[in-house]
Amino acid sequence: MIRLSWLISMGISLFGVMLIEHFFTMQLGDEPTANGNLGALGLALIAPFILLSLFITFRYFLSLSRNSRDSLMRSIYIGFGIVFMIAVCYFALDYKNSIFLELGGTTKNPNSIIFGFPWLNEYTNRVYINFYTFAISHTLIASIAAMYGIFSKA
C-alpha cells in the first residue's frame, strides 16, 4: 500500500512541477508581466504536494531498506543513489547553463534580458523548478532514508 501511495504522490507532484516549468515560465520575446511572477503562485499551490511526496518517499525507502536483509542489496541502494545523484546534478547544471546562455546571462549581468530581476522571476522559473531539481530532491531524500534505515537500530 505504501508503494501505491508513493507512486501516486510522485505522479501528482511531478505533474505540478512540469506545469510550473512549462506553463508558468515566459519564453524569450514575451513581454514581462506587470503583475509579478505567476510561477510563484503555481509553486505555492503545488508546494504542499511536493512536501507530501518527499515525506512519502522518505517513508517508502526507509521501510524498503529496513526490510532488506541482504547486505548486497543494501549496498546497491546506496551506490545507485550516489550514481543517480551525480548524473542528475550533471544534467541539471547543463540545463541551467543553457537557459542562462539563452537569456544572455544571469540577473547580475547587465547584458542579459533578466538584468535586475529577482533570482526567481517569470523567465527563470524553469531553472529552479524543473524535472532535475525534482529528481535531485527525491533522490537525496531516498538516499538519506535508505542510509538511515540501514544504519539505525529499529
Protein backbone atom coordinates (compact mmCIF):
# COMPACT_ATOMS: atom_id res chain seq x y z
CA MET A 1 0.00 0.00 0.00
CA ILE A 2 2.86 2.38 0.74
CA ARG A 3 4.26 1.78 -2.74
CA LEU A 4 0.97 2.79 -4.35
CA SER A 5 0.75 5.96 -2.26
CA TRP A 6 4.37 6.73 -3.16
CA LEU A 7 3.68 6.33 -6.89
CA ILE A 8 0.53 8.46 -6.73
CA SER A 9 2.25 11.25 -4.77
CA MET A 10 5.22 11.21 -7.16
CA GLY A 11 2.90 11.46 -10.14
CA ILE A 12 0.86 14.35 -8.74
CA SER A 13 3.87 16.37 -7.61
CA LEU A 14 5.80 15.72 -10.84
CA PHE A 15 2.77 16.85 -12.83
CA GLY A 16 2.68 20.06 -10.80
CA VAL A 17 6.40 20.69 -11.30
CA MET A 18 6.03 20.19 -15.05
CA LEU A 19 3.07 22.60 -15.12
CA ILE A 20 5.15 25.29 -13.44
CA GLU A 21 8.10 24.60 -15.72
CA HIS A 22 6.14 24.78 -18.97
CA PHE A 23 3.12 26.99 -18.36
CA PHE A 24 4.25 29.48 -15.72
CA THR A 25 7.59 30.35 -17.35
CA MET A 26 7.71 33.01 -20.06
CA GLN A 27 9.69 32.36 -23.21
CA LEU A 28 12.12 34.80 -24.80
CA GLY A 29 10.40 37.56 -26.71
CA ASP A 30 7.36 37.70 -24.42
CA GLU A 31 6.82 40.94 -22.59
CA PRO A 32 7.23 40.69 -18.81
CA THR A 33 4.03 40.91 -16.84
CA ALA A 34 3.33 43.87 -14.61
CA ASN A 35 1.64 41.61 -12.06
CA GLY A 36 4.76 39.82 -10.87
CA ASN A 37 5.74 36.20 -11.14
CA LEU A 38 2.83 33.84 -11.79
CA GLY A 39 5.16 30.89 -11.19
CA ALA A 40 5.27 31.82 -7.50
CA LEU A 41 1.51 31.33 -7.39
CA GLY A 42 1.86 27.93 -9.07
CA LEU A 43 4.64 27.00 -6.65
CA ALA A 44 2.51 28.00 -3.67
CA LEU A 45 -0.28 25.74 -4.95
CA ILE A 46 1.94 22.73 -5.61
CA ALA A 47 4.32 23.06 -2.61
CA PRO A 48 2.13 21.00 -0.22
CA PHE A 49 2.03 18.16 -2.74
CA ILE A 50 5.80 18.27 -3.19
CA LEU A 51 6.37 18.21 0.58
CA LEU A 52 3.95 15.31 0.95
CA SER A 53 5.71 13.49 -1.87
CA LEU A 54 9.08 13.97 -0.16
CA PHE A 55 7.67 12.65 3.12
CA ILE A 56 6.16 9.58 1.45
CA THR A 57 9.43 9.00 -0.45
CA PHE A 58 11.29 9.03 2.86
CA ARG A 59 8.81 6.60 4.41
CA TYR A 60 8.87 4.26 1.41
CA PHE A 61 12.66 3.99 1.16
CA LEU A 62 13.02 3.73 4.93
CA SER A 63 10.72 0.72 5.03
CA LEU A 64 12.33 -0.74 1.91
CA SER A 65 15.83 -0.53 3.39
CA ARG A 66 14.75 -1.82 6.79
CA ASN A 67 13.02 -4.83 5.26
CA SER A 68 16.04 -5.71 3.13
CA ARG A 69 18.16 -8.28 4.92
CA ASP A 70 20.63 -8.81 2.08
CA SER A 71 23.79 -6.72 2.53
CA LEU A 72 24.38 -6.70 -1.23
CA MET A 73 21.01 -5.07 -1.85
CA ARG A 74 21.72 -2.50 0.85
CA SER A 75 24.99 -1.61 -0.86
CA ILE A 76 23.21 -1.37 -4.21
CA TYR A 77 20.68 1.09 -2.73
CA ILE A 78 23.41 3.42 -1.53
CA GLY A 79 25.54 3.04 -4.68
CA PHE A 80 22.61 3.62 -7.02
CA GLY A 81 21.59 6.70 -5.04
CA ILE A 82 25.08 8.21 -5.32
CA VAL A 83 25.47 7.44 -9.04
CA PHE A 84 21.99 8.71 -9.87
CA MET A 85 22.58 11.90 -7.85
CA ILE A 86 25.83 12.63 -9.71
CA ALA A 87 24.20 12.03 -13.11
CA VAL A 88 21.17 14.19 -12.37
CA CYS A 89 23.33 17.02 -10.96
CA TYR A 90 25.41 16.99 -14.15
CA PHE A 91 22.32 17.27 -16.35
CA ALA A 92 20.78 19.93 -14.08
CA LEU A 93 23.88 22.13 -14.33
CA ASP A 94 23.93 21.73 -18.10
CA TYR A 95 20.23 22.65 -18.28
CA LYS A 96 20.75 25.72 -16.06
CA ASN A 97 23.73 26.90 -18.08
CA SER A 98 21.86 26.51 -21.38
CA ILE A 99 18.93 28.57 -20.09
CA PHE A 100 21.17 31.36 -18.79
CA LEU A 101 23.07 31.30 -22.09
CA GLU A 102 19.76 31.70 -23.91
CA LEU A 103 18.84 34.65 -21.66
CA GLY A 104 22.23 36.33 -22.14
CA GLY A 105 23.46 35.80 -18.59
CA THR A 106 22.26 35.83 -15.01
CA THR A 107 20.32 38.55 -13.20
CA LYS A 108 23.61 40.26 -12.27
CA ASN A 109 24.88 40.51 -15.86
CA PRO A 110 23.98 43.94 -17.34
CA ASN A 111 23.81 42.48 -20.86
CA SER A 112 21.21 39.85 -20.02
CA ILE A 113 17.49 40.05 -20.63
CA ILE A 114 16.80 39.43 -16.94
CA PHE A 115 19.21 42.01 -15.51
CA GLY A 116 17.86 43.46 -12.26
CA PHE A 117 15.13 40.82 -11.88
CA PRO A 118 14.93 38.74 -8.68
CA TRP A 119 16.56 35.29 -8.86
CA LEU A 120 13.13 33.63 -9.25
CA ASN A 121 11.29 35.51 -11.98
CA GLU A 122 8.92 34.75 -14.85
CA TYR A 123 11.85 33.86 -17.14
CA THR A 124 13.82 31.67 -14.73
CA ASN A 125 11.12 29.56 -13.09
CA ARG A 126 12.23 26.61 -15.21
CA VAL A 127 15.82 26.97 -13.98
CA TYR A 128 14.88 26.32 -10.37
CA ILE A 129 11.65 24.34 -10.68
CA ASN A 130 12.13 21.53 -13.18
CA PHE A 131 12.40 17.78 -13.52
CA TYR A 132 16.05 17.79 -12.48
CA THR A 133 15.50 19.60 -9.17
CA PHE A 134 12.54 17.31 -8.55
CA ALA A 135 14.74 14.26 -9.17
CA ILE A 136 17.62 15.63 -7.09
CA SER A 137 15.41 16.35 -4.07
CA HIS A 138 13.70 12.95 -4.22
CA THR A 139 16.96 11.08 -4.77
CA LEU A 140 18.55 12.89 -1.85
CA ILE A 141 15.61 12.10 0.43
CA ALA A 142 15.54 8.46 -0.73
CA SER A 143 19.28 8.08 -0.14
CA ILE A 144 19.05 9.61 3.33
CA ALA A 145 16.13 7.33 4.18
CA ALA A 146 17.96 4.26 2.88
CA MET A 147 21.10 5.06 4.87
CA TYR A 148 19.04 5.79 7.98
CA GLY A 149 17.15 2.52 7.55
CA ILE A 150 20.36 0.55 7.05
CA PHE A 151 22.36 2.05 9.90
CA SER A 152 19.64 2.62 12.50
CA LYS A 153 18.65 0.03 15.06
CA ALA A 154 14.91 -0.30 14.52
